[in-house]
């Protein structure tokens, strides 16, 4: 419990009564197992790959028994395992943003640690990207050198024969035809970057009977997503600048995930 007080930021992490706190794995994003958003009920992306990512994370950390209940809660064996988190602080939702590793920590709690390529490759973050079970998703505070390592791991998983994990089915750049929410949430639904899924899910929630994407660029323009696309340094507002829509109901992103750097809120 006391170690949570060492997380930097303008307010402390507030753990639950049992001592746990929510963590967002830095630099990566796996398929959603549940996302509510602002307007509608929770929805998930193709659940098989989402569960593979969750199970790979827990197995990497050292849990040998994983039991998932219908409500997506999980019981684990053993109840705890040794590990560490490397964090710069928390996000706007109060989640600790971190690299997560197993075994003995590389330094003492509360001390600054220089993270090099070798240490990054010891983390679950790198492990999930290397298996193709998570997309690289970068924010401006994440060091450029570490972005390059995760980007290279993602490219290797994507270019493997056959492609690994999500990359075997990913249509983020080739395009997804939207005929309704099931296009994104069915077991055989489209596999796309989770951030794009979240925006499409929220857009479709506004008018569940109309799957037209005609108003999607305007909707995204009103959003708060800010990013830049290297080598350009200009800050861009609105994810509509990184997508294309065709035929009224097909959408694709124009850049690979690792080529977009989001601005932290």
Protein backbone atom coordinates (compact mmCIF):
# COMPACT_ATOMS: atom_id res chain seq x y z
CA UNK A 1 0.00 0.00 0.00
CA UNK A 2 2.76 2.44 0.94
CA UNK A 3 4.50 2.03 -2.43
CA UNK A 4 1.52 3.56 -4.27
CA UNK A 5 2.30 6.83 -2.48
CA UNK A 6 5.63 6.91 -4.31
CA UNK A 7 3.98 7.19 -7.76
CA UNK A 8 4.74 10.71 -9.06
CA UNK A 9 2.00 13.19 -9.88
CA UNK A 10 -0.11 15.95 -8.43
CA UNK A 11 -2.33 13.54 -6.53
CA UNK A 12 -1.68 10.10 -5.07
CA UNK A 13 -2.89 6.82 -6.53
CA UNK A 14 -5.84 5.68 -4.42
CA UNK A 15 -5.78 1.87 -4.17
CA UNK A 16 -8.83 -0.20 -3.30
CA UNK A 17 -9.30 -1.64 0.16
CA UNK A 18 -7.41 -4.80 -0.79
CA UNK A 19 -4.42 -2.75 -1.96
CA UNK A 20 -4.83 -3.11 -5.73
CA UNK A 21 -4.89 -0.24 -8.19
CA UNK A 22 -5.72 -0.06 -11.88
CA UNK A 23 -2.77 -0.06 -14.28
CA UNK A 24 -2.69 0.98 -17.93
CA UNK A 25 0.11 -0.79 -19.78
CA UNK A 26 2.19 1.94 -21.37
CA UNK A 27 2.88 1.95 -25.10
CA UNK A 28 0.40 -0.79 -26.00
CA UNK A 29 -3.32 -1.45 -26.39
CA UNK A 30 -4.97 -4.88 -26.56
CA UNK A 31 -8.44 -5.63 -27.90
CA UNK A 32 -11.25 -4.47 -25.62
CA UNK A 33 -13.01 -7.02 -23.44
CA UNK A 34 -15.51 -4.36 -22.35
CA UNK A 35 -15.91 -0.72 -23.28
CA UNK A 36 -18.89 1.41 -22.39
CA UNK A 37 -17.94 4.87 -23.53
CA UNK A 38 -20.26 7.82 -23.10
CA UNK A 39 -23.47 6.65 -24.69
CA UNK A 40 -24.20 2.93 -24.70
CA UNK A 41 -23.70 -0.43 -22.98
CA UNK A 42 -20.39 -2.22 -22.71
CA UNK A 43 -19.19 -3.89 -25.88
CA UNK A 44 -16.14 -5.99 -26.70
CA UNK A 45 -13.97 -6.61 -29.72
CA UNK A 46 -13.58 -10.18 -31.08
CA UNK A 47 -13.38 -11.87 -27.73
CA UNK A 48 -11.05 -14.75 -28.59
CA UNK A 49 -8.08 -12.50 -29.33
CA UNK A 50 -8.96 -10.23 -26.41
CA UNK A 51 -8.83 -13.20 -24.04
CA UNK A 52 -5.58 -14.45 -25.60
CA UNK A 53 -3.94 -11.13 -24.74
CA UNK A 54 -5.23 -11.17 -21.16
CA UNK A 55 -4.15 -14.78 -20.64
CA UNK A 56 -0.71 -14.16 -22.18
CA UNK A 57 -0.21 -11.23 -19.81
CA UNK A 58 -1.13 -13.24 -16.72
CA UNK A 59 0.89 -16.27 -17.79
CA UNK A 60 3.95 -14.10 -18.47
CA UNK A 61 3.68 -12.63 -14.98
CA UNK A 62 3.67 -16.12 -13.46
CA UNK A 63 0.06 -17.04 -12.79
CA UNK A 64 -0.50 -20.73 -13.49
CA UNK A 65 -4.27 -20.98 -12.95
CA UNK A 66 -6.56 -18.54 -14.77
CA UNK A 67 -10.32 -18.93 -14.37
CA UNK A 68 -12.49 -16.40 -16.24
CA UNK A 69 -16.10 -15.92 -15.20
CA UNK A 70 -18.91 -14.85 -17.58
CA UNK A 71 -18.77 -11.29 -16.18
CA UNK A 72 -15.07 -11.08 -17.19
CA UNK A 73 -13.80 -11.23 -13.61
CA UNK A 74 -10.80 -13.52 -13.20
CA UNK A 75 -9.53 -15.66 -10.34
CA UNK A 76 -5.85 -16.54 -10.28
CA UNK A 77 -3.50 -19.14 -8.88
CA UNK A 78 -1.31 -18.30 -7.03
CA UNK A 79 -2.99 -15.32 -5.41
CA UNK A 80 0.15 -13.21 -5.89
CA UNK A 81 3.44 -13.29 -7.77
CA UNK A 82 6.62 -11.18 -7.49
CA UNK A 83 6.88 -8.40 -10.02
CA UNK A 84 7.42 -4.69 -10.54
CA UNK A 85 6.03 -1.64 -12.28
CA UNK A 86 7.99 1.19 -13.87
CA UNK A 87 5.83 4.30 -14.04
CA UNK A 88 5.94 8.02 -14.78
CA UNK A 89 2.60 8.62 -13.07
CA UNK A 90 -1.11 8.27 -13.76
CA UNK A 91 -3.55 9.20 -16.52
CA UNK A 92 -6.68 11.37 -16.37
CA UNK A 93 -8.70 8.33 -15.28
CA UNK A 94 -6.52 7.73 -12.23
CA UNK A 95 -4.82 4.65 -13.68
CA UNK A 96 -1.14 4.09 -13.07
CA UNK A 97 0.56 4.12 -16.51
CA UNK A 98 3.38 1.62 -16.40
CA UNK A 99 5.72 -0.92 -17.84
CA UNK A 100 5.13 -4.18 -15.95
CA UNK A 101 7.73 -6.86 -15.28
CA UNK A 102 8.01 -10.14 -13.42
CA UNK A 103 10.42 -11.25 -10.75
CA UNK A 104 12.84 -9.05 -8.84
CA UNK A 105 12.66 -5.31 -9.58
CA UNK A 106 15.63 -3.59 -11.27
CA UNK A 107 15.90 -1.04 -8.45
CA UNK A 108 14.41 0.22 -5.20
CA UNK A 109 10.86 1.55 -4.97
CA UNK A 110 10.61 5.30 -5.44
CA UNK A 111 13.96 5.69 -7.21
CA UNK A 112 14.32 6.82 -10.80
CA UNK A 113 15.48 4.07 -13.15
CA UNK A 114 16.90 4.48 -16.63
CA UNK A 115 14.97 2.14 -18.94
CA UNK A 116 17.10 0.84 -21.78
CA UNK A 117 16.19 -1.57 -24.57
CA UNK A 118 17.17 -4.63 -22.54
CA UNK A 119 14.96 -3.66 -19.58
CA UNK A 120 12.02 -2.85 -21.86
CA UNK A 121 12.32 -6.32 -23.40
CA UNK A 122 11.85 -7.82 -19.92
CA UNK A 123 8.37 -6.33 -19.63
CA UNK A 124 4.92 -7.68 -20.36
CA UNK A 125 4.38 -4.66 -22.59
CA UNK A 126 7.10 -5.81 -24.99
CA UNK A 127 6.06 -9.46 -24.65
CA UNK A 128 2.47 -8.81 -25.78
CA UNK A 129 3.57 -6.71 -28.76
CA UNK A 130 6.13 -9.34 -29.81
CA UNK A 131 3.36 -11.99 -29.81
CA UNK A 132 1.13 -9.74 -31.90
CA UNK A 133 -1.46 -9.68 -29.11
CA UNK A 134 -1.32 -5.92 -28.54
CA UNK A 135 -1.04 -2.92 -30.81
CA UNK A 136 1.66 -0.32 -30.25
CA UNK A 137 -0.13 2.85 -29.08
CA UNK A 138 2.18 5.71 -28.27
CA UNK A 139 1.75 8.97 -26.36
CA UNK A 140 4.10 11.92 -26.33
CA UNK A 141 5.50 11.20 -22.87
CA UNK A 142 6.80 7.77 -23.88
CA UNK A 143 10.48 8.06 -24.85
CA UNK A 144 11.29 7.91 -28.57
CA UNK A 145 13.95 5.23 -28.06
CA UNK A 146 11.43 2.91 -26.39
CA UNK A 147 8.82 3.61 -29.06
CA UNK A 148 11.30 2.38 -31.66
CA UNK A 149 11.82 -0.91 -29.82
CA UNK A 150 8.09 -1.60 -29.54
CA UNK A 151 7.49 -0.48 -33.12
CA UNK A 152 10.14 -2.92 -34.37
CA UNK A 153 8.55 -5.76 -32.38
CA UNK A 154 5.13 -4.91 -33.84
CA UNK A 155 6.51 -4.80 -37.38
CA UNK A 156 8.18 -8.18 -36.92
CA UNK A 157 4.93 -9.73 -35.64
CA UNK A 158 2.98 -8.15 -38.52
CA UNK A 159 5.46 -9.33 -41.16
CA UNK A 160 5.85 -12.88 -39.82
CA UNK A 161 4.66 -15.78 -41.96
CA UNK A 162 1.90 -16.17 -41.01
CA UNK A 163 1.33 -12.87 -39.18
CA UNK A 164 1.07 -13.24 -35.41
CA UNK A 165 -1.93 -12.57 -33.17
CA UNK A 166 -4.12 -9.66 -34.23
CA UNK A 167 -2.08 -9.10 -37.39
CA UNK A 168 -3.46 -12.27 -38.97
CA UNK A 169 -6.91 -10.62 -39.07
CA UNK A 170 -6.22 -6.90 -38.69
CA UNK A 171 -8.14 -4.62 -41.09
CA UNK A 172 -7.22 -1.26 -39.54
CA UNK A 173 -5.52 -0.14 -42.75
CA UNK A 174 -7.22 -2.32 -45.35
CA UNK A 175 -10.65 -1.16 -44.18
CA UNK A 176 -13.70 -2.43 -42.31
CA UNK A 177 -17.23 -2.44 -43.71
CA UNK A 178 -19.64 -1.29 -40.99
CA UNK A 179 -23.17 -2.68 -41.17
CA UNK A 180 -23.89 -2.27 -37.46
CA UNK A 181 -22.33 -2.80 -34.05
CA UNK A 182 -21.92 -6.53 -34.71
CA UNK A 183 -19.37 -5.66 -37.42
CA UNK A 184 -17.03 -4.73 -34.56
CA UNK A 185 -18.16 -6.95 -31.68
CA UNK A 186 -19.05 -10.36 -33.09
CA UNK A 187 -16.65 -13.24 -32.50
CA UNK A 188 -15.75 -13.00 -36.20
CA UNK A 189 -15.98 -9.21 -36.26
CA UNK A 190 -13.37 -6.79 -37.53
CA UNK A 191 -10.02 -6.72 -35.74
CA UNK A 192 -8.93 -3.09 -35.58
CA UNK A 193 -6.87 -0.73 -33.45
CA UNK A 194 -8.72 -0.43 -30.10
CA UNK A 195 -8.73 3.38 -30.21
CA UNK A 196 -10.52 3.28 -33.57
CA UNK A 197 -12.93 0.68 -32.18
CA UNK A 198 -13.76 2.91 -29.22
CA UNK A 199 -14.50 5.90 -31.46
CA UNK A 200 -16.64 3.82 -33.85
CA UNK A 201 -18.50 2.19 -30.97
CA UNK A 202 -19.38 5.55 -29.44
CA UNK A 203 -20.42 6.93 -32.85
CA UNK A 204 -22.72 3.96 -33.53
CA UNK A 205 -24.20 4.25 -30.04
CA UNK A 206 -25.56 7.68 -30.97
CA UNK A 207 -27.81 6.20 -33.66
CA UNK A 208 -27.97 2.39 -33.39
CA UNK A 209 -30.37 2.03 -36.34
CA UNK A 210 -28.09 3.81 -38.84
CA UNK A 211 -24.70 2.33 -39.74
CA UNK A 212 -23.83 5.08 -42.20
CA UNK A 213 -20.45 6.67 -41.62
CA UNK A 214 -21.38 9.88 -43.41
CA UNK A 215 -21.16 11.91 -40.22
CA UNK A 216 -18.15 10.09 -38.76
CA UNK A 217 -15.55 12.72 -39.80
CA UNK A 218 -17.63 15.47 -38.18
CA UNK A 219 -18.08 13.38 -35.04
CA UNK A 220 -14.34 12.73 -34.80
CA UNK A 221 -13.67 16.41 -35.41
CA UNK A 222 -15.56 17.23 -32.25
CA UNK A 223 -13.50 14.78 -30.23
CA UNK A 224 -10.51 15.51 -28.08
CA UNK A 225 -7.92 13.33 -29.85
CA UNK A 226 -4.73 15.25 -30.50
CA UNK A 227 -1.74 13.67 -32.18
CA UNK A 228 1.09 14.14 -34.62
CA UNK A 229 2.47 11.90 -37.34
CA UNK A 230 6.28 11.96 -37.58
CA UNK A 231 8.35 13.21 -39.24
CA UNK A 232 5.91 16.14 -39.16
CA UNK A 233 5.79 17.79 -35.74
CA UNK A 234 2.54 19.70 -36.29
CA UNK A 235 -0.13 18.87 -33.71
CA UNK A 236 -3.35 17.62 -35.31
CA UNK A 237 -6.78 17.70 -33.69
CA UNK A 238 -9.39 15.12 -34.59
CA UNK A 239 -8.91 11.50 -35.64
CA UNK A 240 -10.70 12.24 -38.93
CA UNK A 241 -7.31 13.41 -40.21
CA UNK A 242 -5.97 9.85 -39.89
CA UNK A 243 -8.88 7.94 -41.48
CA UNK A 244 -10.58 7.54 -44.82
CA UNK A 245 -14.23 6.65 -45.37
CA UNK A 246 -15.55 5.24 -48.65
CA UNK A 247 -18.89 4.01 -49.97
CA UNK A 248 -20.67 5.44 -46.95
CA UNK A 249 -19.84 2.59 -44.58
CA UNK A 250 -16.19 1.59 -45.00
CA UNK A 251 -13.46 3.11 -42.87
CA UNK A 252 -9.72 2.63 -42.61
CA UNK A 253 -6.79 4.33 -40.92
CA UNK A 254 -4.21 5.83 -43.25
CA UNK A 255 -1.21 5.12 -41.01
CA UNK A 256 0.06 2.14 -39.07
CA UNK A 257 -0.54 2.45 -35.31
CA UNK A 258 3.11 3.05 -34.49
CA UNK A 259 3.19 6.02 -36.89
CA UNK A 260 0.74 8.06 -34.81
CA UNK A 261 1.83 9.73 -31.56
CA UNK A 262 -1.06 10.83 -29.38
CA UNK A 263 -0.83 13.84 -27.10
CA UNK A 264 -1.36 13.00 -23.45
CA UNK A 265 -4.34 14.69 -21.82
